[in-house]
Amino acid sequence: MSKQYTEDFTATVALEAVKGEMSLQEPAARYGVAAGQIYEWKQQLQQGAAQLFVRKNKADKNVRK
């Protein structure tokens, strides 16, 4: 049976991992989560971050790329 974590908890841990201020082992010990799991969350955050900035109105032609 796998543990389930809240979205807020997952985001907090993944953001710490993305910052790169510490190894994955440190937040793993602090939060009681396997370093491999934190690595997966970090990858998901990095791969999905662009979706946060998707324009709702795609008709806007004055958008910089």
PDB file of N, CA and C in Angstrom:
ATOM      1  N   MET A   1       0.837  -1.173   0.000  1.00  0.00           N
ATOM      2  CA  MET A   1       0.000   0.000   0.000  1.00  0.00           C
ATOM      3  C   MET A   1       0.887   1.244   0.000  1.00  0.00           C
ATOM      4  N   SER A   2       0.620   2.160  -0.921  1.00  0.00           N
ATOM      5  CA  SER A   2       1.444   3.363  -1.011  1.00  0.00           C
ATOM      6  C   SER A   2       0.825   4.496  -0.209  1.00  0.00           C
ATOM      7  N   LYS A   3       1.685   5.365   0.287  1.00  0.00           N
ATOM      8  CA  LYS A   3       1.230   6.524   1.043  1.00  0.00           C
ATOM      9  C   LYS A   3       0.651   7.546   0.077  1.00  0.00           C
ATOM     10  N   GLN A   4      -0.306   8.317   0.550  1.00  0.00           N
ATOM     11  CA  GLN A   4      -0.853   9.404  -0.249  1.00  0.00           C
ATOM     12  C   GLN A   4      -0.551  10.716   0.463  1.00  0.00           C
ATOM     13  N   TYR A   5      -0.165  11.708  -0.323  1.00  0.00           N
ATOM     14  CA  TYR A   5       0.193  13.012   0.215  1.00  0.00           C
ATOM     15  C   TYR A   5      -0.722  14.075  -0.382  1.00  0.00           C
ATOM     16  N   THR A   6      -0.943  15.145   0.354  1.00  0.00           N
ATOM     17  CA  THR A   6      -1.768  16.232  -0.165  1.00  0.00           C
ATOM     18  C   THR A   6      -1.005  16.974  -1.258  1.00  0.00           C
ATOM     19  N   GLU A   7      -1.748  17.671  -2.071  1.00  0.00           N
ATOM     20  CA  GLU A   7      -1.134  18.463  -3.139  1.00  0.00           C
ATOM     21  C   GLU A   7      -0.241  19.555  -2.558  1.00  0.00           C
ATOM     22  N   ASP A   8      -0.674  20.169  -1.458  1.00  0.00           N
ATOM     23  CA  ASP A   8       0.130  21.219  -0.827  1.00  0.00           C
ATOM     24  C   ASP A   8       1.456  20.675  -0.318  1.00  0.00           C
ATOM     25  N   PHE A   9       1.408  19.531   0.316  1.00  0.00           N
ATOM     26  CA  PHE A   9       2.633  18.904   0.833  1.00  0.00           C
ATOM     27  C   PHE A   9       3.576  18.566  -0.322  1.00  0.00           C
ATOM     28  N   THR A  10       3.025  17.948  -1.353  1.00  0.00           N
ATOM     29  CA  THR A  10       3.831  17.555  -2.514  1.00  0.00           C
ATOM     30  C   THR A  10       4.477  18.774  -3.158  1.00  0.00           C
ATOM     31  N   ALA A  11       3.705  19.841  -3.318  1.00  0.00           N
ATOM     32  CA  ALA A  11       4.233  21.061  -3.928  1.00  0.00           C
ATOM     33  C   ALA A  11       5.338  21.672  -3.078  1.00  0.00           C
ATOM     34  N   THR A  12       5.151  21.698  -1.775  1.00  0.00           N
ATOM     35  CA  THR A  12       6.156  22.260  -0.874  1.00  0.00           C
ATOM     36  C   THR A  12       7.475  21.506  -0.981  1.00  0.00           C
ATOM     37  N   VAL A  13       7.400  20.199  -0.950  1.00  0.00           N
ATOM     38  CA  VAL A  13       8.608  19.374  -1.012  1.00  0.00           C
ATOM     39  C   VAL A  13       9.266  19.501  -2.387  1.00  0.00           C
ATOM     40  N   ALA A  14       8.463  19.480  -3.457  1.00  0.00           N
ATOM     41  CA  ALA A  14       9.007  19.596  -4.812  1.00  0.00           C
ATOM     42  C   ALA A  14       9.676  20.946  -5.024  1.00  0.00           C
ATOM     43  N   LEU A  15       9.092  22.003  -4.507  1.00  0.00           N
ATOM     44  CA  LEU A  15       9.699  23.333  -4.641  1.00  0.00           C
ATOM     45  C   LEU A  15      11.038  23.409  -3.923  1.00  0.00           C
ATOM     46  N   GLU A  16      11.120  22.800  -2.757  1.00  0.00           N
ATOM     47  CA  GLU A  16      12.409  22.760  -2.053  1.00  0.00           C
ATOM     48  C   GLU A  16      13.452  22.034  -2.896  1.00  0.00           C
ATOM     49  N   ALA A  17      13.036  20.948  -3.523  1.00  0.00           N
ATOM     50  CA  ALA A  17      13.967  20.174  -4.350  1.00  0.00           C
ATOM     51  C   ALA A  17      14.407  20.971  -5.570  1.00  0.00           C
ATOM     52  N   VAL A  18      13.496  21.711  -6.185  1.00  0.00           N
ATOM     53  CA  VAL A  18      13.827  22.505  -7.373  1.00  0.00           C
ATOM     54  C   VAL A  18      14.798  23.629  -7.032  1.00  0.00           C
ATOM     55  N   LYS A  19      14.661  24.198  -5.851  1.00  0.00           N
ATOM     56  CA  LYS A  19      15.560  25.283  -5.437  1.00  0.00           C
ATOM     57  C   LYS A  19      17.016  24.832  -5.476  1.00  0.00           C
ATOM     58  N   GLY A  20      17.255  23.566  -5.167  1.00  0.00           N
ATOM     59  CA  GLY A  20      18.612  23.026  -5.225  1.00  0.00           C
ATOM     60  C   GLY A  20      19.526  23.496  -4.115  1.00  0.00           C
ATOM     61  N   GLU A  21      18.969  24.010  -3.044  1.00  0.00           N
ATOM     62  CA  GLU A  21      19.784  24.497  -1.936  1.00  0.00           C
ATOM     63  C   GLU A  21      20.299  23.364  -1.057  1.00  0.00           C
ATOM     64  N   MET A  22      19.752  22.165  -1.243  1.00  0.00           N
ATOM     65  CA  MET A  22      20.175  21.018  -0.447  1.00  0.00           C
ATOM     66  C   MET A  22      20.043  19.758  -1.309  1.00  0.00           C
ATOM     67  N   SER A  23      20.647  18.698  -0.866  1.00  0.00           N
ATOM     68  CA  SER A  23      20.524  17.428  -1.578  1.00  0.00           C
ATOM     69  C   SER A  23      19.118  16.876  -1.382  1.00  0.00           C
ATOM     70  N   LEU A  24      18.740  15.918  -2.167  1.00  0.00           N
ATOM     71  CA  LEU A  24      17.423  15.299  -2.013  1.00  0.00           C
ATOM     72  C   LEU A  24      17.318  14.534  -0.697  1.00  0.00           C
ATOM     73  N   GLN A  25      18.444  14.155  -0.141  1.00  0.00           N
ATOM     74  CA  GLN A  25      18.444  13.407   1.119  1.00  0.00           C
ATOM     75  C   GLN A  25      17.946  14.260   2.283  1.00  0.00           C
ATOM     76  N   GLU A  26      18.248  15.559   2.248  1.00  0.00           N
ATOM     77  CA  GLU A  26      17.864  16.423   3.362  1.00  0.00           C
ATOM     78  C   GLU A  26      16.345  16.599   3.481  1.00  0.00           C
ATOM     79  N   PRO A  27      15.633  16.981   2.412  1.00  0.00           N
ATOM     80  CA  PRO A  27      14.179  17.049   2.557  1.00  0.00           C
ATOM     81  C   PRO A  27      13.560  15.667   2.781  1.00  0.00           C
ATOM     82  N   ALA A  28      14.195  14.625   2.266  1.00  0.00           N
ATOM     83  CA  ALA A  28      13.694  13.267   2.490  1.00  0.00           C
ATOM     84  C   ALA A  28      13.682  12.959   3.987  1.00  0.00           C
ATOM     85  N   ALA A  29      14.762  13.308   4.662  1.00  0.00           N
ATOM     86  CA  ALA A  29      14.837  13.077   6.106  1.00  0.00           C
ATOM     87  C   ALA A  29      13.879  13.993   6.860  1.00  0.00           C
ATOM     88  N   ARG A  30      13.792  15.238   6.437  1.00  0.00           N
ATOM     89  CA  ARG A  30      12.939  16.212   7.121  1.00  0.00           C
ATOM     90  C   ARG A  30      11.461  15.840   7.032  1.00  0.00           C
ATOM     91  N   TYR A  31      11.028  15.389   5.847  1.00  0.00           N
ATOM     92  CA  TYR A  31       9.606  15.124   5.629  1.00  0.00           C
ATOM     93  C   TYR A  31       9.226  13.649   5.687  1.00  0.00           C
ATOM     94  N   GLY A  32      10.198  12.775   5.821  1.00  0.00           N
ATOM     95  CA  GLY A  32       9.898  11.354   5.908  1.00  0.00           C
ATOM     96  C   GLY A  32       9.415  10.762   4.593  1.00  0.00           C
ATOM     97  N   VAL A  33       9.994  11.246   3.490  1.00  0.00           N
ATOM     98  CA  VAL A  33       9.631  10.790   2.150  1.00  0.00           C
ATOM     99  C   VAL A  33      10.904  10.285   1.480  1.00  0.00           C
ATOM    100  N   ALA A  34      10.795   9.222   0.710  1.00  0.00           N
ATOM    101  CA  ALA A  34      11.962   8.672   0.022  1.00  0.00           C
ATOM    102  C   ALA A  34      12.526   9.690  -0.975  1.00  0.00           C
ATOM    103  N   ALA A  35      13.853   9.742  -1.074  1.00  0.00           N
ATOM    104  CA  ALA A  35      14.511  10.667  -1.994  1.00  0.00           C
ATOM    105  C   ALA A  35      14.067  10.418  -3.435  1.00  0.00           C
ATOM    106  N   GLY A  36      13.842   9.166  -3.794  1.00  0.00           N
ATOM    107  CA  GLY A  36      13.371   8.843  -5.137  1.00  0.00           C
ATOM    108  C   GLY A  36      12.007   9.447  -5.427  1.00  0.00           C
ATOM    109  N   GLN A  37      11.140   9.475  -4.421  1.00  0.00           N
ATOM    110  CA  GLN A  37       9.818  10.082  -4.579  1.00  0.00           C
ATOM    111  C   GLN A  37       9.956  11.585  -4.772  1.00  0.00           C
ATOM    112  N   ILE A  38      10.841  12.190  -4.012  1.00  0.00           N
ATOM    113  CA  ILE A  38      11.064  13.632  -4.145  1.00  0.00           C
ATOM    114  C   ILE A  38      11.621  13.940  -5.531  1.00  0.00           C
ATOM    115  N   TYR A  39      12.507  13.098  -6.020  1.00  0.00           N
ATOM    116  CA  TYR A  39      13.047  13.285  -7.370  1.00  0.00           C
ATOM    117  C   TYR A  39      11.918  13.249  -8.401  1.00  0.00           C
ATOM    118  N   GLU A  40      10.984  12.320  -8.271  1.00  0.00           N
ATOM    119  CA  GLU A  40       9.851  12.235  -9.204  1.00  0.00           C
ATOM    120  C   GLU A  40       8.989  13.491  -9.138  1.00  0.00           C
ATOM    121  N   TRP A  41       8.699  13.970  -7.929  1.00  0.00           N
ATOM    122  CA  TRP A  41       7.903  15.189  -7.778  1.00  0.00           C
ATOM    123  C   TRP A  41       8.615  16.379  -8.399  1.00  0.00           C
ATOM    124  N   LYS A  42       9.925  16.437  -8.209  1.00  0.00           N
ATOM    125  CA  LYS A  42      10.720  17.528  -8.787  1.00  0.00           C
ATOM    126  C   LYS A  42      10.606  17.496 -10.307  1.00  0.00           C
ATOM    127  N   GLN A  43      10.721  16.321 -10.896  1.00  0.00           N
ATOM    128  CA  GLN A  43      10.617  16.180 -12.357  1.00  0.00           C
ATOM    129  C   GLN A  43       9.225  16.591 -12.835  1.00  0.00           C
ATOM    130  N   GLN A  44       8.195  16.170 -12.125  1.00  0.00           N
ATOM    131  CA  GLN A  44       6.822  16.519 -12.504  1.00  0.00           C
ATOM    132  C   GLN A  44       6.613  18.029 -12.454  1.00  0.00           C
ATOM    133  N   LEU A  45       7.159  18.667 -11.437  1.00  0.00           N
ATOM    134  CA  LEU A  45       7.033  20.111 -11.303  1.00  0.00           C
ATOM    135  C   LEU A  45       7.735  20.817 -12.455  1.00  0.00           C
ATOM    136  N   GLN A  46       8.939  20.393 -12.759  1.00  0.00           N
ATOM    137  CA  GLN A  46       9.695  21.032 -13.825  1.00  0.00           C
ATOM    138  C   GLN A  46       9.028  20.820 -15.184  1.00  0.00           C
ATOM    139  N   GLN A  47       8.510  19.636 -15.426  1.00  0.00           N
ATOM    140  CA  GLN A  47       7.881  19.343 -16.710  1.00  0.00           C
ATOM    141  C   GLN A  47       6.525  20.029 -16.859  1.00  0.00           C
ATOM    142  N   GLY A  48       5.826  20.233 -15.762  1.00  0.00           N
ATOM    143  CA  GLY A  48       4.497  20.809 -15.835  1.00  0.00           C
ATOM    144  C   GLY A  48       4.416  22.296 -15.539  1.00  0.00           C
ATOM    145  N   ALA A  49       5.528  22.910 -15.202  1.00  0.00           N
ATOM    146  CA  ALA A  49       5.516  24.319 -14.805  1.00  0.00           C
ATOM    147  C   ALA A  49       4.982  25.230 -15.901  1.00  0.00           C
ATOM    148  N   ALA A  50       5.290  24.967 -17.145  1.00  0.00           N
ATOM    149  CA  ALA A  50       4.834  25.826 -18.242  1.00  0.00           C
ATOM    150  C   ALA A  50       3.314  25.883 -18.318  1.00  0.00           C
ATOM    151  N   GLN A  51       2.640  24.834 -17.893  1.00  0.00           N
ATOM    152  CA  GLN A  51       1.176  24.809 -17.936  1.00  0.00           C
ATOM    153  C   GLN A  51       0.549  25.864 -17.023  1.00  0.00           C
ATOM    154  N   LEU A  52       1.294  26.318 -16.036  1.00  0.00           N
ATOM    155  CA  LEU A  52       0.783  27.357 -15.147  1.00  0.00           C
ATOM    156  C   LEU A  52       0.589  28.680 -15.872  1.00  0.00           C
ATOM    157  N   PHE A  53       1.277  28.844 -16.993  1.00  0.00           N
ATOM    158  CA  PHE A  53       1.278  30.115 -17.704  1.00  0.00           C
ATOM    159  C   PHE A  53       0.555  30.053 -19.045  1.00  0.00           C
ATOM    160  N   VAL A  54      -0.231  29.032 -19.259  1.00  0.00           N
ATOM    161  CA  VAL A  54      -1.001  28.912 -20.491  1.00  0.00           C
ATOM    162  C   VAL A  54      -2.077  29.986 -20.490  1.00  0.00           C
ATOM    163  N   ARG A  55      -2.138  30.714 -21.594  1.00  0.00           N
ATOM    164  CA  ARG A  55      -3.131  31.780 -21.720  1.00  0.00           C
ATOM    165  C   ARG A  55      -4.523  31.186 -21.862  1.00  0.00           C
ATOM    166  N   LYS A  56      -5.458  31.765 -21.188  1.00  0.00           N
ATOM    167  CA  LYS A  56      -6.838  31.317 -21.288  1.00  0.00           C
ATOM    168  C   LYS A  56      -7.461  31.807 -22.592  1.00  0.00           C
ATOM    169  N   ASN A  57      -7.048  33.001 -23.050  1.00  0.00           N
ATOM    170  CA  ASN A  57      -7.566  33.576 -24.277  1.00  0.00           C
ATOM    171  C   ASN A  57      -6.483  33.503 -25.346  1.00  0.00           C
ATOM    172  N   LYS A  58      -6.511  32.487 -26.150  1.00  0.00           N
ATOM    173  CA  LYS A  58      -5.470  32.269 -27.149  1.00  0.00           C
ATOM    174  C   LYS A  58      -5.571  33.268 -28.316  1.00  0.00           C
ATOM    175  N   ALA A  59      -6.606  34.090 -28.343  1.00  0.00           N
ATOM    176  CA  ALA A  59      -6.771  35.072 -29.411  1.00  0.00           C
ATOM    177  C   ALA A  59      -5.816  36.260 -29.240  1.00  0.00           C
ATOM    178  N   ASP A  60      -5.212  36.411 -28.101  1.00  0.00           N
ATOM    179  CA  ASP A  60      -4.297  37.517 -27.845  1.00  0.00           C
ATOM    180  C   ASP A  60      -3.047  37.358 -28.697  1.00  0.00           C
ATOM    181  N   LYS A  61      -2.898  38.222 -29.668  1.00  0.00           N
ATOM    182  CA  LYS A  61      -1.767  38.132 -30.606  1.00  0.00           C
ATOM    183  C   LYS A  61      -0.531  38.884 -30.108  1.00  0.00           C
ATOM    184  N   ASN A  62      -0.662  39.665 -29.048  1.00  0.00           N
ATOM    185  CA  ASN A  62       0.447  40.498 -28.566  1.00  0.00           C
ATOM    186  C   ASN A  62       1.233  39.826 -27.464  1.00  0.00           C
ATOM    187  N   VAL A  63       1.488  38.560 -27.602  1.00  0.00           N
ATOM    188  CA  VAL A  63       2.197  37.799 -26.585  1.00  0.00           C
ATOM    189  C   VAL A  63       3.625  37.564 -27.038  1.00  0.00           C
ATOM    190  N   ARG A  64       4.569  37.876 -26.179  1.00  0.00           N
ATOM    191  CA  ARG A  64       5.988  37.623 -26.476  1.00  0.00           C
ATOM    192  C   ARG A  64       6.317  36.166 -26.319  1.00  0.00           C
ATOM    193  N   LYS A  65       7.227  35.700 -27.138  1.00  0.00           N
ATOM    194  CA  LYS A  65       7.695  34.323 -27.021  1.00  0.00           C
ATOM    195  C   LYS A  65       9.117  34.298 -26.577  1.00  0.00           C
TER     196      LYS A  65
END
